[in-house]
Amino acid sequence: MYKIIIAFSLLLTACQHSQKPILQLSTYCYNFYELQKNKNYLGNVMINNTGNDTLKIFQIGTSCGCTDASITQKLLQPQDSCTLNFTYNTQNKQGIQEEYISIYTNTDSLVHLLKIKAFVSE
């Protein structure tokens, strides 16, 4: 019985101090504000690993063909960061726009979203 209690205690302690990555973006909503129609615009945000295990970025997805995104690193050690670069094409866009970039990782939430906002004028 004593061995079971010690084993359970060790398991509980290990779970409380588990190693895990935590993704944090420098902003979760990137606002271009007012843009002109039929042009390409560049933006970027920082991805930070504030956890205590390696952050693995498996894939970057976009909600529209008007947005393209890439990262400078796919593996981030604890306390490391990288840049998420993206382009936004305003061709055939007008008025208030919202698009999303999805970041697929090995964190607890698996998918993280960056919202891109803009107002496209003529």
PDB file of N, CA and C in Angstrom:
ATOM      1  N   MET A   1       0.831  -1.193   0.000  1.00  0.00           N
ATOM      2  CA  MET A   1       0.000   0.000   0.000  1.00  0.00           C
ATOM      3  C   MET A   1       0.875   1.256   0.000  1.00  0.00           C
ATOM      4  N   TYR A   2       1.950   1.227   0.789  1.00  0.00           N
ATOM      5  CA  TYR A   2       2.858   2.358   0.882  1.00  0.00           C
ATOM      6  C   TYR A   2       3.483   2.668  -0.484  1.00  0.00           C
ATOM      7  N   LYS A   3       3.862   1.633  -1.264  1.00  0.00           N
ATOM      8  CA  LYS A   3       4.447   1.815  -2.587  1.00  0.00           C
ATOM      9  C   LYS A   3       3.434   2.442  -3.547  1.00  0.00           C
ATOM     10  N   ILE A   4       2.185   2.080  -3.426  1.00  0.00           N
ATOM     11  CA  ILE A   4       1.132   2.637  -4.291  1.00  0.00           C
ATOM     12  C   ILE A   4       0.962   4.124  -4.007  1.00  0.00           C
ATOM     13  N   ILE A   5       0.970   4.500  -2.750  1.00  0.00           N
ATOM     14  CA  ILE A   5       0.826   5.912  -2.367  1.00  0.00           C
ATOM     15  C   ILE A   5       2.007   6.726  -2.901  1.00  0.00           C
ATOM     16  N   ILE A   6       3.221   6.197  -2.778  1.00  0.00           N
ATOM     17  CA  ILE A   6       4.404   6.905  -3.289  1.00  0.00           C
ATOM     18  C   ILE A   6       4.329   7.029  -4.805  1.00  0.00           C
ATOM     19  N   ALA A   7       3.958   5.964  -5.499  1.00  0.00           N
ATOM     20  CA  ALA A   7       3.854   5.993  -6.959  1.00  0.00           C
ATOM     21  C   ALA A   7       2.799   7.007  -7.399  1.00  0.00           C
ATOM     22  N   PHE A   8       1.653   7.034  -6.738  1.00  0.00           N
ATOM     23  CA  PHE A   8       0.597   7.991  -7.062  1.00  0.00           C
ATOM     24  C   PHE A   8       1.068   9.416  -6.815  1.00  0.00           C
ATOM     25  N   SER A   9       1.783   9.631  -5.731  1.00  0.00           N
ATOM     26  CA  SER A   9       2.301  10.951  -5.394  1.00  0.00           C
ATOM     27  C   SER A   9       3.296  11.423  -6.452  1.00  0.00           C
ATOM     28  N   LEU A  10       4.188  10.547  -6.888  1.00  0.00           N
ATOM     29  CA  LEU A  10       5.155  10.897  -7.931  1.00  0.00           C
ATOM     30  C   LEU A  10       4.463  11.204  -9.249  1.00  0.00           C
ATOM     31  N   LEU A  11       3.452  10.420  -9.597  1.00  0.00           N
ATOM     32  CA  LEU A  11       2.701  10.648 -10.830  1.00  0.00           C
ATOM     33  C   LEU A  11       1.979  11.981 -10.775  1.00  0.00           C
ATOM     34  N   LEU A  12       1.373  12.297  -9.653  1.00  0.00           N
ATOM     35  CA  LEU A  12       0.665  13.561  -9.485  1.00  0.00           C
ATOM     36  C   LEU A  12       1.637  14.739  -9.592  1.00  0.00           C
ATOM     37  N   THR A  13       2.788  14.619  -8.989  1.00  0.00           N
ATOM     38  CA  THR A  13       3.806  15.674  -9.067  1.00  0.00           C
ATOM     39  C   THR A  13       4.279  15.849 -10.500  1.00  0.00           C
ATOM     40  N   ALA A  14       4.492  14.762 -11.219  1.00  0.00           N
ATOM     41  CA  ALA A  14       4.938  14.836 -12.611  1.00  0.00           C
ATOM     42  C   ALA A  14       3.882  15.516 -13.479  1.00  0.00           C
ATOM     43  N   CYS A  15       2.622  15.226 -13.228  1.00  0.00           N
ATOM     44  CA  CYS A  15       1.548  15.852 -14.012  1.00  0.00           C
ATOM     45  C   CYS A  15       1.458  17.346 -13.740  1.00  0.00           C
ATOM     46  N   GLN A  16       1.682  17.757 -12.522  1.00  0.00           N
ATOM     47  CA  GLN A  16       1.598  19.163 -12.170  1.00  0.00           C
ATOM     48  C   GLN A  16       2.733  19.967 -12.792  1.00  0.00           C
ATOM     49  N   HIS A  17       3.873  19.351 -13.012  1.00  0.00           N
ATOM     50  CA  HIS A  17       5.032  20.042 -13.563  1.00  0.00           C
ATOM     51  C   HIS A  17       5.351  19.531 -14.964  1.00  0.00           C
ATOM     52  N   SER A  18       4.317  19.164 -15.708  1.00  0.00           N
ATOM     53  CA  SER A  18       4.552  18.588 -17.025  1.00  0.00           C
ATOM     54  C   SER A  18       5.170  19.602 -17.974  1.00  0.00           C
ATOM     55  N   GLN A  19       5.976  19.085 -18.834  1.00  0.00           N
ATOM     56  CA  GLN A  19       6.621  19.910 -19.857  1.00  0.00           C
ATOM     57  C   GLN A  19       5.616  20.141 -20.971  1.00  0.00           C
ATOM     58  N   LYS A  20       5.405  21.407 -21.339  1.00  0.00           N
ATOM     59  CA  LYS A  20       4.527  21.679 -22.469  1.00  0.00           C
ATOM     60  C   LYS A  20       4.885  23.024 -23.095  1.00  0.00           C
ATOM     61  N   PRO A  21       4.713  23.119 -24.407  1.00  0.00           N
ATOM     62  CA  PRO A  21       4.928  24.395 -25.082  1.00  0.00           C
ATOM     63  C   PRO A  21       3.685  25.272 -24.961  1.00  0.00           C
ATOM     64  N   ILE A  22       3.886  26.571 -24.982  1.00  0.00           N
ATOM     65  CA  ILE A  22       2.777  27.525 -24.962  1.00  0.00           C
ATOM     66  C   ILE A  22       3.041  28.562 -26.049  1.00  0.00           C
ATOM     67  N   LEU A  23       2.140  28.656 -27.014  1.00  0.00           N
ATOM     68  CA  LEU A  23       2.277  29.635 -28.086  1.00  0.00           C
ATOM     69  C   LEU A  23       1.618  30.937 -27.686  1.00  0.00           C
ATOM     70  N   GLN A  24       2.347  32.028 -27.868  1.00  0.00           N
ATOM     71  CA  GLN A  24       1.805  33.356 -27.608  1.00  0.00           C
ATOM     72  C   GLN A  24       2.162  34.239 -28.798  1.00  0.00           C
ATOM     73  N   LEU A  25       1.157  34.914 -29.360  1.00  0.00           N
ATOM     74  CA  LEU A  25       1.369  35.844 -30.466  1.00  0.00           C
ATOM     75  C   LEU A  25       1.556  37.252 -29.918  1.00  0.00           C
ATOM     76  N   SER A  26       2.316  38.072 -30.641  1.00  0.00           N
ATOM     77  CA  SER A  26       2.494  39.468 -30.217  1.00  0.00           C
ATOM     78  C   SER A  26       1.172  40.227 -30.302  1.00  0.00           C
ATOM     79  N   THR A  27       0.267  39.790 -31.188  1.00  0.00           N
ATOM     80  CA  THR A  27      -1.104  40.285 -31.248  1.00  0.00           C
ATOM     81  C   THR A  27      -1.959  39.188 -31.866  1.00  0.00           C
ATOM     82  N   TYR A  28      -3.210  39.118 -31.463  1.00  0.00           N
ATOM     83  CA  TYR A  28      -4.123  38.125 -32.021  1.00  0.00           C
ATOM     84  C   TYR A  28      -5.061  38.750 -33.049  1.00  0.00           C
ATOM     85  N   CYS A  29      -4.938  40.061 -33.246  1.00  0.00           N
ATOM     86  CA  CYS A  29      -5.741  40.781 -34.239  1.00  0.00           C
ATOM     87  C   CYS A  29      -4.853  41.838 -34.886  1.00  0.00           C
ATOM     88  N   TYR A  30      -4.493  41.596 -36.137  1.00  0.00           N
ATOM     89  CA  TYR A  30      -3.641  42.534 -36.875  1.00  0.00           C
ATOM     90  C   TYR A  30      -4.543  43.408 -37.735  1.00  0.00           C
ATOM     91  N   ASN A  31      -4.508  44.720 -37.504  1.00  0.00           N
ATOM     92  CA  ASN A  31      -5.382  45.643 -38.222  1.00  0.00           C
ATOM     93  C   ASN A  31      -4.554  46.465 -39.203  1.00  0.00           C
ATOM     94  N   PHE A  32      -4.849  46.297 -40.496  1.00  0.00           N
ATOM     95  CA  PHE A  32      -4.202  47.105 -41.528  1.00  0.00           C
ATOM     96  C   PHE A  32      -4.843  48.498 -41.626  1.00  0.00           C
ATOM     97  N   TYR A  33      -6.000  48.668 -41.014  1.00  0.00           N
ATOM     98  CA  TYR A  33      -6.791  49.900 -41.092  1.00  0.00           C
ATOM     99  C   TYR A  33      -7.232  50.128 -42.532  1.00  0.00           C
ATOM    100  N   GLU A  34      -6.976  51.271 -43.133  1.00  0.00           N
ATOM    101  CA  GLU A  34      -7.502  51.555 -44.474  1.00  0.00           C
ATOM    102  C   GLU A  34      -6.470  51.204 -45.545  1.00  0.00           C
ATOM    103  N   LEU A  35      -6.912  50.382 -46.502  1.00  0.00           N
ATOM    104  CA  LEU A  35      -6.059  49.955 -47.604  1.00  0.00           C
ATOM    105  C   LEU A  35      -6.702  50.333 -48.935  1.00  0.00           C
ATOM    106  N   GLN A  36      -5.873  50.422 -49.960  1.00  0.00           N
ATOM    107  CA  GLN A  36      -6.383  50.688 -51.298  1.00  0.00           C
ATOM    108  C   GLN A  36      -6.684  49.376 -52.005  1.00  0.00           C
ATOM    109  N   LYS A  37      -7.659  49.412 -52.875  1.00  0.00           N
ATOM    110  CA  LYS A  37      -8.086  48.244 -53.635  1.00  0.00           C
ATOM    111  C   LYS A  37      -7.012  47.835 -54.644  1.00  0.00           C
ATOM    112  N   ASN A  38      -6.913  46.536 -54.916  1.00  0.00           N
ATOM    113  CA  ASN A  38      -6.046  45.942 -55.939  1.00  0.00           C
ATOM    114  C   ASN A  38      -4.551  46.126 -55.664  1.00  0.00           C
ATOM    115  N   LYS A  39      -4.155  46.013 -54.392  1.00  0.00           N
ATOM    116  CA  LYS A  39      -2.744  46.086 -54.021  1.00  0.00           C
ATOM    117  C   LYS A  39      -2.411  44.966 -53.045  1.00  0.00           C
ATOM    118  N   ASN A  40      -1.104  44.678 -52.926  1.00  0.00           N
ATOM    119  CA  ASN A  40      -0.613  43.709 -51.947  1.00  0.00           C
ATOM    120  C   ASN A  40      -0.011  44.439 -50.761  1.00  0.00           C
ATOM    121  N   TYR A  41      -0.283  43.934 -49.560  1.00  0.00           N
ATOM    122  CA  TYR A  41       0.240  44.529 -48.331  1.00  0.00           C
ATOM    123  C   TYR A  41       0.936  43.452 -47.510  1.00  0.00           C
ATOM    124  N   LEU A  42       1.983  43.845 -46.819  1.00  0.00           N
ATOM    125  CA  LEU A  42       2.761  42.927 -45.989  1.00  0.00           C
ATOM    126  C   LEU A  42       2.512  43.211 -44.512  1.00  0.00           C
ATOM    127  N   GLY A  43       2.497  42.158 -43.715  1.00  0.00           N
ATOM    128  CA  GLY A  43       2.380  42.297 -42.270  1.00  0.00           C
ATOM    129  C   GLY A  43       3.158  41.191 -41.590  1.00  0.00           C
ATOM    130  N   ASN A  44       3.377  41.330 -40.297  1.00  0.00           N
ATOM    131  CA  ASN A  44       4.028  40.257 -39.541  1.00  0.00           C
ATOM    132  C   ASN A  44       3.707  40.398 -38.059  1.00  0.00           C
ATOM    133  N   VAL A  45       3.745  39.273 -37.379  1.00  0.00           N
ATOM    134  CA  VAL A  45       3.600  39.214 -35.925  1.00  0.00           C
ATOM    135  C   VAL A  45       4.654  38.247 -35.402  1.00  0.00           C
ATOM    136  N   MET A  46       4.955  38.368 -34.134  1.00  0.00           N
ATOM    137  CA  MET A  46       5.915  37.469 -33.495  1.00  0.00           C
ATOM    138  C   MET A  46       5.175  36.299 -32.844  1.00  0.00           C
ATOM    139  N   ILE A  47       5.748  35.114 -33.004  1.00  0.00           N
ATOM    140  CA  ILE A  47       5.285  33.910 -32.313  1.00  0.00           C
ATOM    141  C   ILE A  47       6.306  33.620 -31.221  1.00  0.00           C
ATOM    142  N   ASN A  48       5.841  33.498 -29.986  1.00  0.00           N
ATOM    143  CA  ASN A  48       6.723  33.228 -28.849  1.00  0.00           C
ATOM    144  C   ASN A  48       6.336  31.909 -28.188  1.00  0.00           C
ATOM    145  N   ASN A  49       7.342  31.139 -27.781  1.00  0.00           N
ATOM    146  CA  ASN A  49       7.105  29.935 -26.993  1.00  0.00           C
ATOM    147  C   ASN A  49       7.379  30.282 -25.536  1.00  0.00           C
ATOM    148  N   THR A  50       6.315  30.523 -24.773  1.00  0.00           N
ATOM    149  CA  THR A  50       6.470  30.877 -23.362  1.00  0.00           C
ATOM    150  C   THR A  50       6.368  29.656 -22.451  1.00  0.00           C
ATOM    151  N   GLY A  51       6.310  28.473 -23.047  1.00  0.00           N
ATOM    152  CA  GLY A  51       6.237  27.241 -22.262  1.00  0.00           C
ATOM    153  C   GLY A  51       7.611  26.710 -21.905  1.00  0.00           C
ATOM    154  N   ASN A  52       7.635  25.447 -21.464  1.00  0.00           N
ATOM    155  CA  ASN A  52       8.895  24.839 -21.041  1.00  0.00           C
ATOM    156  C   ASN A  52       9.230  23.573 -21.824  1.00  0.00           C
ATOM    157  N   ASP A  53       8.687  23.457 -23.058  1.00  0.00           N
ATOM    158  CA  ASP A  53       9.025  22.359 -23.955  1.00  0.00           C
ATOM    159  C   ASP A  53       9.048  22.914 -25.380  1.00  0.00           C
ATOM    160  N   THR A  54       9.591  22.153 -26.302  1.00  0.00           N
ATOM    161  CA  THR A  54       9.721  22.595 -27.690  1.00  0.00           C
ATOM    162  C   THR A  54       8.361  22.781 -28.343  1.00  0.00           C
ATOM    163  N   LEU A  55       8.147  23.946 -28.952  1.00  0.00           N
ATOM    164  CA  LEU A  55       6.939  24.248 -29.712  1.00  0.00           C
ATOM    165  C   LEU A  55       7.169  23.803 -31.146  1.00  0.00           C
ATOM    166  N   LYS A  56       6.272  22.970 -31.653  1.00  0.00           N
ATOM    167  CA  LYS A  56       6.350  22.489 -33.036  1.00  0.00           C
ATOM    168  C   LYS A  56       5.197  23.105 -33.821  1.00  0.00           C
ATOM    169  N   ILE A  57       5.529  23.819 -34.880  1.00  0.00           N
ATOM    170  CA  ILE A  57       4.515  24.398 -35.752  1.00  0.00           C
ATOM    171  C   ILE A  57       4.398  23.475 -36.955  1.00  0.00           C
ATOM    172  N   PHE A  58       3.256  22.795 -37.060  1.00  0.00           N
ATOM    173  CA  PHE A  58       3.065  21.793 -38.096  1.00  0.00           C
ATOM    174  C   PHE A  58       2.633  22.407 -39.429  1.00  0.00           C
ATOM    175  N   GLN A  59       1.766  23.408 -39.356  1.00  0.00           N
ATOM    176  CA  GLN A  59       1.188  23.955 -40.586  1.00  0.00           C
ATOM    177  C   GLN A  59       0.642  25.347 -40.328  1.00  0.00           C
ATOM    178  N   ILE A  60       0.655  26.179 -41.377  1.00  0.00           N
ATOM    179  CA  ILE A  60       0.037  27.496 -41.359  1.00  0.00           C
ATOM    180  C   ILE A  60      -1.035  27.483 -42.440  1.00  0.00           C
ATOM    181  N   GLY A  61      -2.260  27.857 -42.087  1.00  0.00           N
ATOM    182  CA  GLY A  61      -3.357  27.894 -43.053  1.00  0.00           C
ATOM    183  C   GLY A  61      -3.978  29.276 -43.112  1.00  0.00           C
ATOM    184  N   THR A  62      -4.621  29.576 -44.221  1.00  0.00           N
ATOM    185  CA  THR A  62      -5.300  30.863 -44.378  1.00  0.00           C
ATOM    186  C   THR A  62      -6.754  30.625 -44.758  1.00  0.00           C
ATOM    187  N   SER A  63      -7.610  31.587 -44.421  1.00  0.00           N
ATOM    188  CA  SER A  63      -9.044  31.435 -44.678  1.00  0.00           C
ATOM    189  C   SER A  63      -9.432  31.861 -46.090  1.00  0.00           C
ATOM    190  N   CYS A  64      -8.490  32.427 -46.842  1.00  0.00           N
ATOM    191  CA  CYS A  64      -8.819  32.971 -48.155  1.00  0.00           C
ATOM    192  C   CYS A  64      -7.575  32.919 -49.036  1.00  0.00           C
ATOM    193  N   GLY A  65      -7.772  32.791 -50.336  1.00  0.00           N
ATOM    194  CA  GLY A  65      -6.658  32.826 -51.269  1.00  0.00           C
ATOM    195  C   GLY A  65      -6.003  34.193 -51.358  1.00  0.00           C
ATOM    196  N   CYS A  66      -6.639  35.198 -50.781  1.00  0.00           N
ATOM    197  CA  CYS A  66      -6.090  36.561 -50.795  1.00  0.00           C
ATOM    198  C   CYS A  66      -4.983  36.739 -49.762  1.00  0.00           C
ATOM    199  N   THR A  67      -4.791  35.741 -48.905  1.00  0.00           N
ATOM    200  CA  THR A  67      -3.802  35.828 -47.832  1.00  0.00           C
ATOM    201  C   THR A  67      -2.800  34.689 -47.972  1.00  0.00           C
ATOM    202  N   ASP A  68      -1.535  35.009 -47.817  1.00  0.00           N
ATOM    203  CA  ASP A  68      -0.474  34.012 -47.843  1.00  0.00           C
ATOM    204  C   ASP A  68       0.373  34.221 -46.589  1.00  0.00           C
ATOM    205  N   ALA A  69       0.812  33.130 -45.982  1.00  0.00           N
ATOM    206  CA  ALA A  69       1.568  33.254 -44.726  1.00  0.00           C
ATOM    207  C   ALA A  69       2.720  32.264 -44.692  1.00  0.00           C
ATOM    208  N   SER A  70       3.788  32.667 -44.000  1.00  0.00           N
ATOM    209  CA  SER A  70       4.945  31.787 -43.805  1.00  0.00           C
ATOM    210  C   SER A  70       5.604  32.136 -42.471  1.00  0.00           C
ATOM    211  N   ILE A  71       6.391  31.190 -41.957  1.00  0.00           N
ATOM    212  CA  ILE A  71       7.105  31.409 -40.702  1.00  0.00           C
ATOM    213  C   ILE A  71       8.603  31.243 -40.939  1.00  0.00           C
ATOM    214  N   THR A  72       9.394  31.831 -40.056  1.00  0.00           N
ATOM    215  CA  THR A  72      10.845  31.759 -40.193  1.00  0.00           C
ATOM    216  C   THR A  72      11.427  30.522 -39.519  1.00  0.00           C
ATOM    217  N   GLN A  73      10.671  29.851 -38.628  1.00  0.00           N
ATOM    218  CA  GLN A  73      11.112  28.627 -37.935  1.00  0.00           C
ATOM    219  C   GLN A  73       9.913  27.754 -37.642  1.00  0.00           C
ATOM    220  N   LYS A  74      10.111  26.439 -37.668  1.00  0.00           N
ATOM    221  CA  LYS A  74       9.035  25.505 -37.318  1.00  0.00           C
ATOM    222  C   LYS A  74       9.189  24.914 -35.921  1.00  0.00           C
ATOM    223  N   LEU A  75      10.376  24.996 -35.353  1.00  0.00           N
ATOM    224  CA  LEU A  75      10.636  24.487 -34.005  1.00  0.00           C
ATOM    225  C   LEU A  75      11.148  25.638 -33.148  1.00  0.00           C
ATOM    226  N   LEU A  76      10.485  25.864 -32.025  1.00  0.00           N
ATOM    227  CA  LEU A  76      10.901  26.917 -31.104  1.00  0.00           C
ATOM    228  C   LEU A  76      11.182  26.306 -29.733  1.00  0.00           C
ATOM    229  N   GLN A  77      12.382  26.495 -29.264  1.00  0.00           N
ATOM    230  CA  GLN A  77      12.731  26.050 -27.921  1.00  0.00           C
ATOM    231  C   GLN A  77      12.060  26.987 -26.907  1.00  0.00           C
ATOM    232  N   PRO A  78      11.975  26.584 -25.651  1.00  0.00           N
ATOM    233  CA  PRO A  78      11.373  27.469 -24.636  1.00  0.00           C
ATOM    234  C   PRO A  78      12.011  28.859 -24.661  1.00  0.00           C
ATOM    235  N   GLN A  79      11.167  29.866 -24.620  1.00  0.00           N
ATOM    236  CA  GLN A  79      11.531  31.286 -24.623  1.00  0.00           C
ATOM    237  C   GLN A  79      12.054  31.791 -25.969  1.00  0.00           C
ATOM    238  N   ASP A  80      12.026  30.969 -27.020  1.00  0.00           N
ATOM    239  CA  ASP A  80      12.412  31.409 -28.362  1.00  0.00           C
ATOM    240  C   ASP A  80      11.222  32.035 -29.068  1.00  0.00           C
ATOM    241  N   SER A  81      11.519  32.743 -30.154  1.00  0.00           N
ATOM    242  CA  SER A  81      10.455  33.351 -30.958  1.00  0.00           C
ATOM    243  C   SER A  81      10.834  33.286 -32.425  1.00  0.00           C
ATOM    244  N   CYS A  82       9.837  33.480 -33.276  1.00  0.00           N
ATOM    245  CA  CYS A  82      10.049  33.555 -34.713  1.00  0.00           C
ATOM    246  C   CYS A  82       9.011  34.528 -35.275  1.00  0.00           C
ATOM    247  N   THR A  83       9.149  34.825 -36.557  1.00  0.00           N
ATOM    248  CA  THR A  83       8.252  35.772 -37.200  1.00  0.00           C
ATOM    249  C   THR A  83       7.271  35.048 -38.117  1.00  0.00           C
ATOM    250  N   LEU A  84       5.999  35.414 -37.997  1.00  0.00           N
ATOM    251  CA  LEU A  84       4.963  34.980 -38.932  1.00  0.00           C
ATOM    252  C   LEU A  84       4.776  36.127 -39.917  1.00  0.00           C
ATOM    253  N   ASN A  85       5.198  35.921 -41.163  1.00  0.00           N
ATOM    254  CA  ASN A  85       5.048  36.929 -42.213  1.00  0.00           C
ATOM    255  C   ASN A  85       3.821  36.596 -43.045  1.00  0.00           C
ATOM    256  N   PHE A  86       3.085  37.624 -43.456  1.00  0.00           N
ATOM    257  CA  PHE A  86       1.921  37.380 -44.301  1.00  0.00           C
ATOM    258  C   PHE A  86       1.722  38.519 -45.292  1.00  0.00           C
ATOM    259  N   THR A  87       1.067  38.167 -46.401  1.00  0.00           N
ATOM    260  CA  THR A  87       0.677  39.162 -47.402  1.00  0.00           C
ATOM    261  C   THR A  87      -0.836  39.133 -47.519  1.00  0.00           C
ATOM    262  N   TYR A  88      -1.388  40.279 -47.818  1.00  0.00           N
ATOM    263  CA  TYR A  88      -2.838  40.404 -47.992  1.00  0.00           C
ATOM    264  C   TYR A  88      -3.081  41.136 -49.308  1.00  0.00           C
ATOM    265  N   ASN A  89      -3.814  40.491 -50.208  1.00  0.00           N
ATOM    266  CA  ASN A  89      -4.117  41.040 -51.528  1.00  0.00           C
ATOM    267  C   ASN A  89      -5.540  41.587 -51.522  1.00  0.00           C
ATOM    268  N   THR A  90      -5.697  42.867 -51.849  1.00  0.00           N
ATOM    269  CA  THR A  90      -7.013  43.510 -51.801  1.00  0.00           C
ATOM    270  C   THR A  90      -7.746  43.481 -53.143  1.00  0.00           C
ATOM    271  N   GLN A  91      -7.243  42.677 -54.084  1.00  0.00           N
ATOM    272  CA  GLN A  91      -7.930  42.569 -55.375  1.00  0.00           C
ATOM    273  C   GLN A  91      -9.354  42.062 -55.170  1.00  0.00           C
ATOM    274  N   ASN A  92     -10.307  42.753 -55.798  1.00  0.00           N
ATOM    275  CA  ASN A  92     -11.741  42.426 -55.724  1.00  0.00           C
ATOM    276  C   ASN A  92     -12.311  42.529 -54.304  1.00  0.00           C
ATOM    277  N   LYS A  93     -11.670  43.301 -53.451  1.00  0.00           N
ATOM    278  CA  LYS A  93     -12.156  43.514 -52.085  1.00  0.00           C
ATOM    279  C   LYS A  93     -12.650  44.948 -51.956  1.00  0.00           C
ATOM    280  N   GLN A  94     -13.648  45.130 -51.107  1.00  0.00           N
ATOM    281  CA  GLN A  94     -14.140  46.474 -50.827  1.00  0.00           C
ATOM    282  C   GLN A  94     -14.854  46.471 -49.478  1.00  0.00           C
ATOM    283  N   GLY A  95     -14.650  47.545 -48.717  1.00  0.00           N
ATOM    284  CA  GLY A  95     -15.305  47.676 -47.421  1.00  0.00           C
ATOM    285  C   GLY A  95     -14.561  46.946 -46.321  1.00  0.00           C
ATOM    286  N   ILE A  96     -15.289  46.604 -45.257  1.00  0.00           N
ATOM    287  CA  ILE A  96     -14.704  45.940 -44.088  1.00  0.00           C
ATOM    288  C   ILE A  96     -14.362  44.491 -44.442  1.00  0.00           C
ATOM    289  N   GLN A  97     -13.128  44.099 -44.116  1.00  0.00           N
ATOM    290  CA  GLN A  97     -12.653  42.748 -44.412  1.00  0.00           C
ATOM    291  C   GLN A  97     -12.100  42.102 -43.147  1.00  0.00           C
ATOM    292  N   GLU A  98     -12.328  40.787 -43.025  1.00  0.00           N
ATOM    293  CA  GLU A  98     -11.741  39.984 -41.948  1.00  0.00           C
ATOM    294  C   GLU A  98     -11.303  38.653 -42.527  1.00  0.00           C
ATOM    295  N   GLU A  99     -10.057  38.311 -42.315  1.00  0.00           N
ATOM    296  CA  GLU A  99      -9.514  37.021 -42.729  1.00  0.00           C
ATOM    297  C   GLU A  99      -8.794  36.420 -41.535  1.00  0.00           C
ATOM    298  N   TYR A 100      -8.468  35.132 -41.626  1.00  0.00           N
ATOM    299  CA  TYR A 100      -7.821  34.441 -40.511  1.00  0.00           C
ATOM    300  C   TYR A 100      -6.627  33.621 -40.976  1.00  0.00           C
ATOM    301  N   ILE A 101      -5.613  33.596 -40.146  1.00  0.00           N
ATOM    302  CA  ILE A 101      -4.481  32.701 -40.335  1.00  0.00           C
ATOM    303  C   ILE A 101      -4.519  31.701 -39.186  1.00  0.00           C
ATOM    304  N   SER A 102      -4.482  30.404 -39.534  1.00  0.00           N
ATOM    305  CA  SER A 102      -4.505  29.325 -38.544  1.00  0.00           C
ATOM    306  C   SER A 102      -3.097  28.777 -38.368  1.00  0.00           C
ATOM    307  N   ILE A 103      -2.702  28.600 -37.118  1.00  0.00           N
ATOM    308  CA  ILE A 103      -1.381  28.062 -36.792  1.00  0.00           C
ATOM    309  C   ILE A 103      -1.611  26.741 -36.060  1.00  0.00           C
ATOM    310  N   TYR A 104      -1.208  25.633 -36.697  1.00  0.00           N
ATOM    311  CA  TYR A 104      -1.409  24.298 -36.136  1.00  0.00           C
ATOM    312  C   TYR A 104      -0.138  23.869 -35.413  1.00  0.00           C
ATOM    313  N   THR A 105      -0.285  23.539 -34.110  1.00  0.00           N
ATOM    314  CA  THR A 105       0.874  23.273 -33.262  1.00  0.00           C
ATOM    315  C   THR A 105       0.665  22.062 -32.360  1.00  0.00           C
ATOM    316  N   ASN A 106       1.662  21.791 -31.541  1.00  0.00           N
ATOM    317  CA  ASN A 106       1.588  20.718 -30.546  1.00  0.00           C
ATOM    318  C   ASN A 106       1.205  21.243 -29.157  1.00  0.00           C
ATOM    319  N   THR A 107       0.546  22.400 -29.078  1.00  0.00           N
ATOM    320  CA  THR A 107       0.110  22.953 -27.793  1.00  0.00           C
ATOM    321  C   THR A 107      -1.220  22.330 -27.378  1.00  0.00           C
ATOM    322  N   ASP A 108      -1.671  22.653 -26.189  1.00  0.00           N
ATOM    323  CA  ASP A 108      -2.940  22.116 -25.688  1.00  0.00           C
ATOM    324  C   ASP A 108      -4.115  22.470 -26.601  1.00  0.00           C
ATOM    325  N   SER A 109      -4.139  23.678 -27.163  1.00  0.00           N
ATOM    326  CA  SER A 109      -5.279  24.071 -27.991  1.00  0.00           C
ATOM    327  C   SER A 109      -5.124  23.671 -29.454  1.00  0.00           C
ATOM    328  N   LEU A 110      -3.977  23.153 -29.866  1.00  0.00           N
ATOM    329  CA  LEU A 110      -3.693  22.640 -31.206  1.00  0.00           C
ATOM    330  C   LEU A 110      -3.745  23.679 -32.319  1.00  0.00           C
ATOM    331  N   VAL A 111      -4.771  24.561 -32.347  1.00  0.00           N
ATOM    332  CA  VAL A 111      -4.899  25.573 -33.398  1.00  0.00           C
ATOM    333  C   VAL A 111      -4.999  26.959 -32.753  1.00  0.00           C
ATOM    334  N   HIS A 112      -4.233  27.891 -33.291  1.00  0.00           N
ATOM    335  CA  HIS A 112      -4.260  29.279 -32.836  1.00  0.00           C
ATOM    336  C   HIS A 112      -4.641  30.140 -34.027  1.00  0.00           C
ATOM    337  N   LEU A 113      -5.443  31.181 -33.788  1.00  0.00           N
ATOM    338  CA  LEU A 113      -5.924  32.038 -34.868  1.00  0.00           C
ATOM    339  C   LEU A 113      -5.380  33.447 -34.746  1.00  0.00           C
ATOM    340  N   LEU A 114      -4.981  34.003 -35.897  1.00  0.00           N
ATOM    341  CA  LEU A 114      -4.641  35.397 -36.015  1.00  0.00           C
ATOM    342  C   LEU A 114      -5.682  36.016 -36.939  1.00  0.00           C
ATOM    343  N   LYS A 115      -6.404  37.017 -36.442  1.00  0.00           N
ATOM    344  CA  LYS A 115      -7.395  37.718 -37.252  1.00  0.00           C
ATOM    345  C   LYS A 115      -6.709  38.877 -37.960  1.00  0.00           C
ATOM    346  N   ILE A 116      -7.012  39.025 -39.257  1.00  0.00           N
ATOM    347  CA  ILE A 116      -6.512  40.163 -40.042  1.00  0.00           C
ATOM    348  C   ILE A 116      -7.716  41.005 -40.429  1.00  0.00           C
ATOM    349  N   LYS A 117      -7.653  42.298 -40.067  1.00  0.00           N
ATOM    350  CA  LYS A 117      -8.741  43.219 -40.353  1.00  0.00           C
ATOM    351  C   LYS A 117      -8.241  44.328 -41.283  1.00  0.00           C
ATOM    352  N   ALA A 118      -9.186  44.834 -42.101  1.00  0.00           N
ATOM    353  CA  ALA A 118      -8.850  45.954 -42.974  1.00  0.00           C
ATOM    354  C   ALA A 118     -10.135  46.586 -43.479  1.00  0.00           C
ATOM    355  N   PHE A 119     -10.010  47.847 -43.879  1.00  0.00           N
ATOM    356  CA  PHE A 119     -11.078  48.504 -44.618  1.00  0.00           C
ATOM    357  C   PHE A 119     -10.497  48.847 -45.987  1.00  0.00           C
ATOM    358  N   VAL A 120     -11.065  48.258 -47.036  1.00  0.00           N
ATOM    359  CA  VAL A 120     -10.545  48.445 -48.390  1.00  0.00           C
ATOM    360  C   VAL A 120     -11.390  49.503 -49.084  1.00  0.00           C
ATOM    361  N   SER A 121     -10.702  50.578 -49.521  1.00  0.00           N
ATOM    362  CA  SER A 121     -11.408  51.670 -50.220  1.00  0.00           C
ATOM    363  C   SER A 121     -11.027  51.655 -51.696  1.00  0.00           C
ATOM    364  N   GLU A 122     -11.805  52.340 -52.494  1.00  0.00           N
ATOM    365  CA  GLU A 122     -11.581  52.428 -53.950  1.00  0.00           C
ATOM    366  C   GLU A 122     -10.297  53.102 -54.292  1.00  0.00           C
TER     367      GLU A 122
END
